């Protein structure tokens, strides 16, 4: 089962993530938050709310109830590495 084992909030909407298979990298959430039409996601554009991110249930969770599937986060980390 894929899961996030470590996260470190870096700058603004950027989070460093490590997975239980050893993969790691950073995700900049700003673009995703801006293009998502759901209000609960868009709330996280408020940096104070975004900074409530924490590790829970093998993924990233926020105080407003938002979480992302670890598989989605994994894809984002891989995509960022392929761009670099």
PDB file of N, CA and C in Angstrom:
ATOM      1  N   UNK A   1       0.841  -1.177   0.000  1.00  0.00           N
ATOM      2  CA  UNK A   1       0.000   0.000   0.000  1.00  0.00           C
ATOM      3  C   UNK A   1       0.889   1.245   0.000  1.00  0.00           C
ATOM      4  N   UNK A   2       0.699   2.083  -0.978  1.00  0.00           N
ATOM      5  CA  UNK A   2       1.478   3.307  -1.106  1.00  0.00           C
ATOM      6  C   UNK A   2       1.048   4.312  -0.051  1.00  0.00           C
ATOM      7  N   UNK A   3       2.012   4.981   0.554  1.00  0.00           N
ATOM      8  CA  UNK A   3       1.679   5.980   1.558  1.00  0.00           C
ATOM      9  C   UNK A   3       2.777   7.003   1.731  1.00  0.00           C
ATOM     10  N   UNK A   4       2.395   8.169   2.194  1.00  0.00           N
ATOM     11  CA  UNK A   4       3.339   9.234   2.504  1.00  0.00           C
ATOM     12  C   UNK A   4       3.872   8.983   3.916  1.00  0.00           C
ATOM     13  N   UNK A   5       5.196   9.029   4.066  1.00  0.00           N
ATOM     14  CA  UNK A   5       5.803   8.774   5.374  1.00  0.00           C
ATOM     15  C   UNK A   5       6.381  10.034   6.009  1.00  0.00           C
ATOM     16  N   UNK A   6       6.595  11.070   5.192  1.00  0.00           N
ATOM     17  CA  UNK A   6       7.164  12.312   5.713  1.00  0.00           C
ATOM     18  C   UNK A   6       6.723  13.466   4.830  1.00  0.00           C
ATOM     19  N   UNK A   7       6.475  14.617   5.455  1.00  0.00           N
ATOM     20  CA  UNK A   7       6.180  15.827   4.692  1.00  0.00           C
ATOM     21  C   UNK A   7       6.793  17.007   5.418  1.00  0.00           C
ATOM     22  N   UNK A   8       7.283  17.958   4.610  1.00  0.00           N
ATOM     23  CA  UNK A   8       7.849  19.184   5.157  1.00  0.00           C
ATOM     24  C   UNK A   8       7.310  20.335   4.323  1.00  0.00           C
ATOM     25  N   UNK A   9       6.597  21.231   4.975  1.00  0.00           N
ATOM     26  CA  UNK A   9       6.113  22.426   4.306  1.00  0.00           C
ATOM     27  C   UNK A   9       7.318  23.310   4.009  1.00  0.00           C
ATOM     28  N   UNK A  10       7.484  23.676   2.753  1.00  0.00           N
ATOM     29  CA  UNK A  10       8.640  24.488   2.387  1.00  0.00           C
ATOM     30  C   UNK A  10       8.241  25.945   2.211  1.00  0.00           C
ATOM     31  N   UNK A  11       7.963  26.373   1.020  1.00  0.00           N
ATOM     32  CA  UNK A  11       7.676  27.783   0.761  1.00  0.00           C
ATOM     33  C   UNK A  11       6.295  27.922   0.129  1.00  0.00           C
ATOM     34  N   UNK A  12       5.494  28.823   0.650  1.00  0.00           N
ATOM     35  CA  UNK A  12       4.139  29.063   0.141  1.00  0.00           C
ATOM     36  C   UNK A  12       3.375  27.757  -0.055  1.00  0.00           C
ATOM     37  N   UNK A  13       3.156  27.330  -1.276  1.00  0.00           N
ATOM     38  CA  UNK A  13       2.339  26.146  -1.548  1.00  0.00           C
ATOM     39  C   UNK A  13       3.189  24.908  -1.855  1.00  0.00           C
ATOM     40  N   UNK A  14       4.440  24.934  -1.515  1.00  0.00           N
ATOM     41  CA  UNK A  14       5.371  23.857  -1.842  1.00  0.00           C
ATOM     42  C   UNK A  14       5.568  22.939  -0.636  1.00  0.00           C
ATOM     43  N   UNK A  15       5.417  21.637  -0.897  1.00  0.00           N
ATOM     44  CA  UNK A  15       5.566  20.632   0.155  1.00  0.00           C
ATOM     45  C   UNK A  15       6.527  19.545  -0.331  1.00  0.00           C
ATOM     46  N   UNK A  16       7.511  19.223   0.495  1.00  0.00           N
ATOM     47  CA  UNK A  16       8.405  18.085   0.243  1.00  0.00           C
ATOM     48  C   UNK A  16       7.731  16.845   0.814  1.00  0.00           C
ATOM     49  N   UNK A  17       7.751  15.758   0.031  1.00  0.00           N
ATOM     50  CA  UNK A  17       7.063  14.528   0.436  1.00  0.00           C
ATOM     51  C   UNK A  17       7.984  13.324   0.236  1.00  0.00           C
ATOM     52  N   UNK A  18       7.944  12.400   1.189  1.00  0.00           N
ATOM     53  CA  UNK A  18       8.609  11.098   1.048  1.00  0.00           C
ATOM     54  C   UNK A  18       7.550  10.007   1.125  1.00  0.00           C
ATOM     55  N   UNK A  19       7.736   8.973   0.301  1.00  0.00           N
ATOM     56  CA  UNK A  19       6.812   7.840   0.260  1.00  0.00           C
ATOM     57  C   UNK A  19       7.452   6.591   0.843  1.00  0.00           C
ATOM     58  N   UNK A  20       6.627   5.629   1.192  1.00  0.00           N
ATOM     59  CA  UNK A  20       7.124   4.407   1.828  1.00  0.00           C
ATOM     60  C   UNK A  20       7.906   3.497   0.889  1.00  0.00           C
ATOM     61  N   UNK A  21       7.985   3.821  -0.404  1.00  0.00           N
ATOM     62  CA  UNK A  21       8.818   3.042  -1.318  1.00  0.00           C
ATOM     63  C   UNK A  21      10.159   3.728  -1.577  1.00  0.00           C
ATOM     64  N   UNK A  22      10.425   4.854  -0.865  1.00  0.00           N
ATOM     65  CA  UNK A  22      11.684   5.565  -1.016  1.00  0.00           C
ATOM     66  C   UNK A  22      11.629   6.740  -1.985  1.00  0.00           C
ATOM     67  N   UNK A  23      10.601   6.821  -2.781  1.00  0.00           N
ATOM     68  CA  UNK A  23      10.457   7.954  -3.706  1.00  0.00           C
ATOM     69  C   UNK A  23      10.230   9.236  -2.910  1.00  0.00           C
ATOM     70  N   UNK A  24      10.730  10.354  -3.409  1.00  0.00           N
ATOM     71  CA  UNK A  24      10.535  11.625  -2.730  1.00  0.00           C
ATOM     72  C   UNK A  24      10.608  12.767  -3.727  1.00  0.00           C
ATOM     73  N   UNK A  25      10.113  13.907  -3.317  1.00  0.00           N
ATOM     74  CA  UNK A  25      10.170  15.081  -4.164  1.00  0.00           C
ATOM     75  C   UNK A  25       9.285  16.179  -3.621  1.00  0.00           C
ATOM     76  N   UNK A  26       9.143  17.224  -4.416  1.00  0.00           N
ATOM     77  CA  UNK A  26       8.336  18.363  -3.999  1.00  0.00           C
ATOM     78  C   UNK A  26       7.136  18.528  -4.924  1.00  0.00           C
ATOM     79  N   UNK A  27       6.083  19.072  -4.349  1.00  0.00           N
ATOM     80  CA  UNK A  27       4.887  19.411  -5.108  1.00  0.00           C
ATOM     81  C   UNK A  27       4.555  20.864  -4.819  1.00  0.00           C
ATOM     82  N   UNK A  28       4.342  21.620  -5.881  1.00  0.00           N
ATOM     83  CA  UNK A  28       3.842  22.980  -5.742  1.00  0.00           C
ATOM     84  C   UNK A  28       2.343  22.915  -6.025  1.00  0.00           C
ATOM     85  N   UNK A  29       1.541  23.102  -4.995  1.00  0.00           N
ATOM     86  CA  UNK A  29       0.091  22.951  -5.092  1.00  0.00           C
ATOM     87  C   UNK A  29      -0.621  24.179  -5.654  1.00  0.00           C
ATOM     88  N   UNK A  30       0.064  25.287  -5.816  1.00  0.00           N
ATOM     89  CA  UNK A  30      -0.611  26.536  -6.180  1.00  0.00           C
ATOM     90  C   UNK A  30      -1.440  26.408  -7.466  1.00  0.00           C
ATOM     91  N   UNK A  31      -0.877  25.849  -8.504  1.00  0.00           N
ATOM     92  CA  UNK A  31      -1.596  25.714  -9.771  1.00  0.00           C
ATOM     93  C   UNK A  31      -2.835  24.848  -9.644  1.00  0.00           C
ATOM     94  N   UNK A  32      -2.705  23.735  -8.955  1.00  0.00           N
ATOM     95  CA  UNK A  32      -3.848  22.838  -8.764  1.00  0.00           C
ATOM     96  C   UNK A  32      -4.961  23.518  -7.974  1.00  0.00           C
ATOM     97  N   UNK A  33      -4.587  24.244  -6.935  1.00  0.00           N
ATOM     98  CA  UNK A  33      -5.594  24.916  -6.119  1.00  0.00           C
ATOM     99  C   UNK A  33      -6.327  25.983  -6.915  1.00  0.00           C
ATOM    100  N   UNK A  34      -5.606  26.692  -7.771  1.00  0.00           N
ATOM    101  CA  UNK A  34      -6.216  27.767  -8.562  1.00  0.00           C
ATOM    102  C   UNK A  34      -7.159  27.244  -9.629  1.00  0.00           C
ATOM    103  N   UNK A  35      -6.849  26.082 -10.200  1.00  0.00           N
ATOM    104  CA  UNK A  35      -7.705  25.604 -11.292  1.00  0.00           C
ATOM    105  C   UNK A  35      -8.870  24.731 -10.819  1.00  0.00           C
ATOM    106  N   UNK A  36      -8.848  24.296  -9.578  1.00  0.00           N
ATOM    107  CA  UNK A  36      -9.939  23.466  -9.056  1.00  0.00           C
ATOM    108  C   UNK A  36     -11.144  24.351  -8.746  1.00  0.00           C
ATOM    109  N   UNK A  37     -12.308  23.948  -9.182  1.00  0.00           N
ATOM    110  CA  UNK A  37     -13.525  24.749  -9.004  1.00  0.00           C
ATOM    111  C   UNK A  37     -14.215  24.528  -7.657  1.00  0.00           C
ATOM    112  N   UNK A  38     -13.812  23.490  -6.931  1.00  0.00           N
ATOM    113  CA  UNK A  38     -14.470  23.185  -5.654  1.00  0.00           C
ATOM    114  C   UNK A  38     -14.050  24.176  -4.579  1.00  0.00           C
ATOM    115  N   UNK A  39     -15.021  24.719  -3.880  1.00  0.00           N
ATOM    116  CA  UNK A  39     -14.765  25.749  -2.865  1.00  0.00           C
ATOM    117  C   UNK A  39     -13.855  25.237  -1.752  1.00  0.00           C
ATOM    118  N   UNK A  40     -14.050  23.997  -1.327  1.00  0.00           N
ATOM    119  CA  UNK A  40     -13.245  23.448  -0.233  1.00  0.00           C
ATOM    120  C   UNK A  40     -11.761  23.390  -0.608  1.00  0.00           C
ATOM    121  N   UNK A  41     -11.474  23.145  -1.885  1.00  0.00           N
ATOM    122  CA  UNK A  41     -10.087  23.136  -2.360  1.00  0.00           C
ATOM    123  C   UNK A  41      -9.574  24.567  -2.473  1.00  0.00           C
ATOM    124  N   UNK A  42     -10.379  25.442  -3.036  1.00  0.00           N
ATOM    125  CA  UNK A  42      -9.976  26.833  -3.235  1.00  0.00           C
ATOM    126  C   UNK A  42      -9.720  27.560  -1.906  1.00  0.00           C
ATOM    127  N   UNK A  43     -10.341  27.081  -0.823  1.00  0.00           N
ATOM    128  CA  UNK A  43     -10.069  27.658   0.503  1.00  0.00           C
ATOM    129  C   UNK A  43      -8.583  27.604   0.834  1.00  0.00           C
ATOM    130  N   UNK A  44      -7.897  26.600   0.309  1.00  0.00           N
ATOM    131  CA  UNK A  44      -6.487  26.402   0.625  1.00  0.00           C
ATOM    132  C   UNK A  44      -5.580  27.412  -0.067  1.00  0.00           C
ATOM    133  N   UNK A  45      -6.139  28.248  -0.944  1.00  0.00           N
ATOM    134  CA  UNK A  45      -5.353  29.345  -1.512  1.00  0.00           C
ATOM    135  C   UNK A  45      -4.986  30.367  -0.442  1.00  0.00           C
ATOM    136  N   UNK A  46      -5.754  30.386   0.634  1.00  0.00           N
ATOM    137  CA  UNK A  46      -5.409  31.198   1.798  1.00  0.00           C
ATOM    138  C   UNK A  46      -4.210  30.497   2.454  1.00  0.00           C
ATOM    139  N   UNK A  47      -3.051  31.149   2.409  1.00  0.00           N
ATOM    140  CA  UNK A  47      -1.829  30.504   2.909  1.00  0.00           C
ATOM    141  C   UNK A  47      -1.936  30.066   4.357  1.00  0.00           C
ATOM    142  N   UNK A  48      -2.669  30.805   5.164  1.00  0.00           N
ATOM    143  CA  UNK A  48      -2.845  30.410   6.561  1.00  0.00           C
ATOM    144  C   UNK A  48      -3.550  29.053   6.644  1.00  0.00           C
ATOM    145  N   UNK A  49      -4.555  28.855   5.811  1.00  0.00           N
ATOM    146  CA  UNK A  49      -5.262  27.565   5.780  1.00  0.00           C
ATOM    147  C   UNK A  49      -4.393  26.486   5.159  1.00  0.00           C
ATOM    148  N   UNK A  50      -3.644  26.838   4.104  1.00  0.00           N
ATOM    149  CA  UNK A  50      -2.778  25.844   3.462  1.00  0.00           C
ATOM    150  C   UNK A  50      -1.739  25.330   4.447  1.00  0.00           C
ATOM    151  N   UNK A  51      -1.230  26.207   5.285  1.00  0.00           N
ATOM    152  CA  UNK A  51      -0.179  25.838   6.236  1.00  0.00           C
ATOM    153  C   UNK A  51      -0.661  24.926   7.361  1.00  0.00           C
ATOM    154  N   UNK A  52      -1.950  24.594   7.380  1.00  0.00           N
ATOM    155  CA  UNK A  52      -2.440  23.624   8.365  1.00  0.00           C
ATOM    156  C   UNK A  52      -2.180  22.186   7.915  1.00  0.00           C
ATOM    157  N   UNK A  53      -1.507  22.015   6.781  1.00  0.00           N
ATOM    158  CA  UNK A  53      -1.229  20.684   6.238  1.00  0.00           C
ATOM    159  C   UNK A  53      -0.491  19.833   7.270  1.00  0.00           C
ATOM    160  N   UNK A  54      -0.871  18.568   7.305  1.00  0.00           N
ATOM    161  CA  UNK A  54      -0.212  17.617   8.204  1.00  0.00           C
ATOM    162  C   UNK A  54      -0.284  16.221   7.586  1.00  0.00           C
ATOM    163  N   UNK A  55       0.478  15.332   8.138  1.00  0.00           N
ATOM    164  CA  UNK A  55       0.489  13.946   7.695  1.00  0.00           C
ATOM    165  C   UNK A  55      -0.573  13.175   8.457  1.00  0.00           C
ATOM    166  N   UNK A  56      -1.433  12.488   7.740  1.00  0.00           N
ATOM    167  CA  UNK A  56      -2.460  11.675   8.370  1.00  0.00           C
ATOM    168  C   UNK A  56      -3.012  10.657   7.394  1.00  0.00           C
ATOM    169  N   UNK A  57      -3.297   9.475   7.861  1.00  0.00           N
ATOM    170  CA  UNK A  57      -3.892   8.419   7.025  1.00  0.00           C
ATOM    171  C   UNK A  57      -3.043   8.148   5.784  1.00  0.00           C
ATOM    172  N   UNK A  58      -1.716   8.217   5.920  1.00  0.00           N
ATOM    173  CA  UNK A  58      -0.763   7.923   4.847  1.00  0.00           C
ATOM    174  C   UNK A  58      -0.799   8.939   3.714  1.00  0.00           C
ATOM    175  N   UNK A  59      -1.281  10.143   3.985  1.00  0.00           N
ATOM    176  CA  UNK A  59      -1.338  11.180   2.966  1.00  0.00           C
ATOM    177  C   UNK A  59      -1.311  12.555   3.618  1.00  0.00           C
ATOM    178  N   UNK A  60      -1.464  13.597   2.808  1.00  0.00           N
ATOM    179  CA  UNK A  60      -1.524  14.959   3.331  1.00  0.00           C
ATOM    180  C   UNK A  60      -2.964  15.319   3.637  1.00  0.00           C
ATOM    181  N   UNK A  61      -3.188  15.948   4.788  1.00  0.00           N
ATOM    182  CA  UNK A  61      -4.525  16.345   5.222  1.00  0.00           C
ATOM    183  C   UNK A  61      -4.490  17.791   5.684  1.00  0.00           C
ATOM    184  N   UNK A  62      -5.614  18.470   5.524  1.00  0.00           N
ATOM    185  CA  UNK A  62      -5.748  19.849   5.986  1.00  0.00           C
ATOM    186  C   UNK A  62      -6.891  19.940   6.981  1.00  0.00           C
ATOM    187  N   UNK A  63      -6.860  20.985   7.792  1.00  0.00           N
ATOM    188  CA  UNK A  63      -7.869  21.181   8.834  1.00  0.00           C
ATOM    189  C   UNK A  63      -9.284  21.318   8.285  1.00  0.00           C
ATOM    190  N   UNK A  64      -9.446  21.763   7.032  1.00  0.00           N
ATOM    191  CA  UNK A  64     -10.792  21.916   6.473  1.00  0.00           C
ATOM    192  C   UNK A  64     -11.348  20.608   5.917  1.00  0.00           C
ATOM    193  N   UNK A  65     -10.611  19.502   6.079  1.00  0.00           N
ATOM    194  CA  UNK A  65     -11.098  18.197   5.650  1.00  0.00           C
ATOM    195  C   UNK A  65     -10.568  17.712   4.311  1.00  0.00           C
ATOM    196  N   UNK A  66      -9.813  18.526   3.620  1.00  0.00           N
ATOM    197  CA  UNK A  66      -9.246  18.135   2.328  1.00  0.00           C
ATOM    198  C   UNK A  66      -8.106  17.158   2.550  1.00  0.00           C
ATOM    199  N   UNK A  67      -8.050  16.148   1.705  1.00  0.00           N
ATOM    200  CA  UNK A  67      -6.878  15.286   1.606  1.00  0.00           C
ATOM    201  C   UNK A  67      -6.760  14.830   0.161  1.00  0.00           C
ATOM    202  N   UNK A  68      -5.576  14.411  -0.208  1.00  0.00           N
ATOM    203  CA  UNK A  68      -5.335  13.927  -1.561  1.00  0.00           C
ATOM    204  C   UNK A  68      -4.896  12.473  -1.475  1.00  0.00           C
ATOM    205  N   UNK A  69      -5.349  11.662  -2.402  1.00  0.00           N
ATOM    206  CA  UNK A  69      -4.940  10.261  -2.436  1.00  0.00           C
ATOM    207  C   UNK A  69      -3.426  10.189  -2.595  1.00  0.00           C
ATOM    208  N   UNK A  70      -2.772   9.285  -1.864  1.00  0.00           N
ATOM    209  CA  UNK A  70      -1.320   9.177  -1.987  1.00  0.00           C
ATOM    210  C   UNK A  70      -0.883   8.853  -3.416  1.00  0.00           C
ATOM    211  N   UNK A  71      -1.712   8.139  -4.149  1.00  0.00           N
ATOM    212  CA  UNK A  71      -1.390   7.806  -5.543  1.00  0.00           C
ATOM    213  C   UNK A  71      -1.315   9.076  -6.403  1.00  0.00           C
ATOM    214  N   UNK A  72      -2.235  10.006  -6.145  1.00  0.00           N
ATOM    215  CA  UNK A  72      -2.225  11.288  -6.865  1.00  0.00           C
ATOM    216  C   UNK A  72      -0.952  12.065  -6.533  1.00  0.00           C
ATOM    217  N   UNK A  73      -0.597  12.126  -5.249  1.00  0.00           N
ATOM    218  CA  UNK A  73       0.609  12.835  -4.839  1.00  0.00           C
ATOM    219  C   UNK A  73       1.848  12.200  -5.462  1.00  0.00           C
ATOM    220  N   UNK A  74       1.865  10.885  -5.527  1.00  0.00           N
ATOM    221  CA  UNK A  74       2.981  10.149  -6.125  1.00  0.00           C
ATOM    222  C   UNK A  74       3.134  10.533  -7.594  1.00  0.00           C
ATOM    223  N   UNK A  75       2.019  10.560  -8.305  1.00  0.00           N
ATOM    224  CA  UNK A  75       2.044  10.953  -9.720  1.00  0.00           C
ATOM    225  C   UNK A  75       2.590  12.370  -9.885  1.00  0.00           C
ATOM    226  N   UNK A  76       2.213  13.261  -8.975  1.00  0.00           N
ATOM    227  CA  UNK A  76       2.684  14.641  -9.041  1.00  0.00           C
ATOM    228  C   UNK A  76       4.194  14.721  -8.811  1.00  0.00           C
ATOM    229  N   UNK A  77       4.709  13.951  -7.868  1.00  0.00           N
ATOM    230  CA  UNK A  77       6.152  13.933  -7.598  1.00  0.00           C
ATOM    231  C   UNK A  77       6.897  13.409  -8.819  1.00  0.00           C
ATOM    232  N   UNK A  78       6.404  12.334  -9.406  1.00  0.00           N
ATOM    233  CA  UNK A  78       7.047  11.757 -10.595  1.00  0.00           C
ATOM    234  C   UNK A  78       7.004  12.760 -11.749  1.00  0.00           C
ATOM    235  N   UNK A  79       5.880  13.418 -11.936  1.00  0.00           N
ATOM    236  CA  UNK A  79       5.731  14.400 -13.010  1.00  0.00           C
ATOM    237  C   UNK A  79       6.718  15.552 -12.827  1.00  0.00           C
ATOM    238  N   UNK A  80       6.895  16.024 -11.599  1.00  0.00           N
ATOM    239  CA  UNK A  80       7.830  17.123 -11.322  1.00  0.00           C
ATOM    240  C   UNK A  80       9.265  16.690 -11.675  1.00  0.00           C
ATOM    241  N   UNK A  81       9.596  15.443 -11.370  1.00  0.00           N
ATOM    242  CA  UNK A  81      10.954  14.946 -11.669  1.00  0.00           C
ATOM    243  C   UNK A  81      11.164  14.834 -13.173  1.00  0.00           C
ATOM    244  N   UNK A  82      10.116  14.474 -13.902  1.00  0.00           N
ATOM    245  CA  UNK A  82      10.243  14.335 -15.347  1.00  0.00           C
ATOM    246  C   UNK A  82      10.376  15.680 -16.048  1.00  0.00           C
ATOM    247  N   UNK A  83       9.887  16.733 -15.418  1.00  0.00           N
ATOM    248  CA  UNK A  83       9.994  18.080 -15.972  1.00  0.00           C
ATOM    249  C   UNK A  83      11.400  18.633 -15.748  1.00  0.00           C
ATOM    250  N   UNK A  84      11.971  18.293 -14.616  1.00  0.00           N
ATOM    251  CA  UNK A  84      13.302  18.817 -14.244  1.00  0.00           C
ATOM    252  C   UNK A  84      14.413  18.274 -15.096  1.00  0.00           C
TER     253      UNK A  84
END
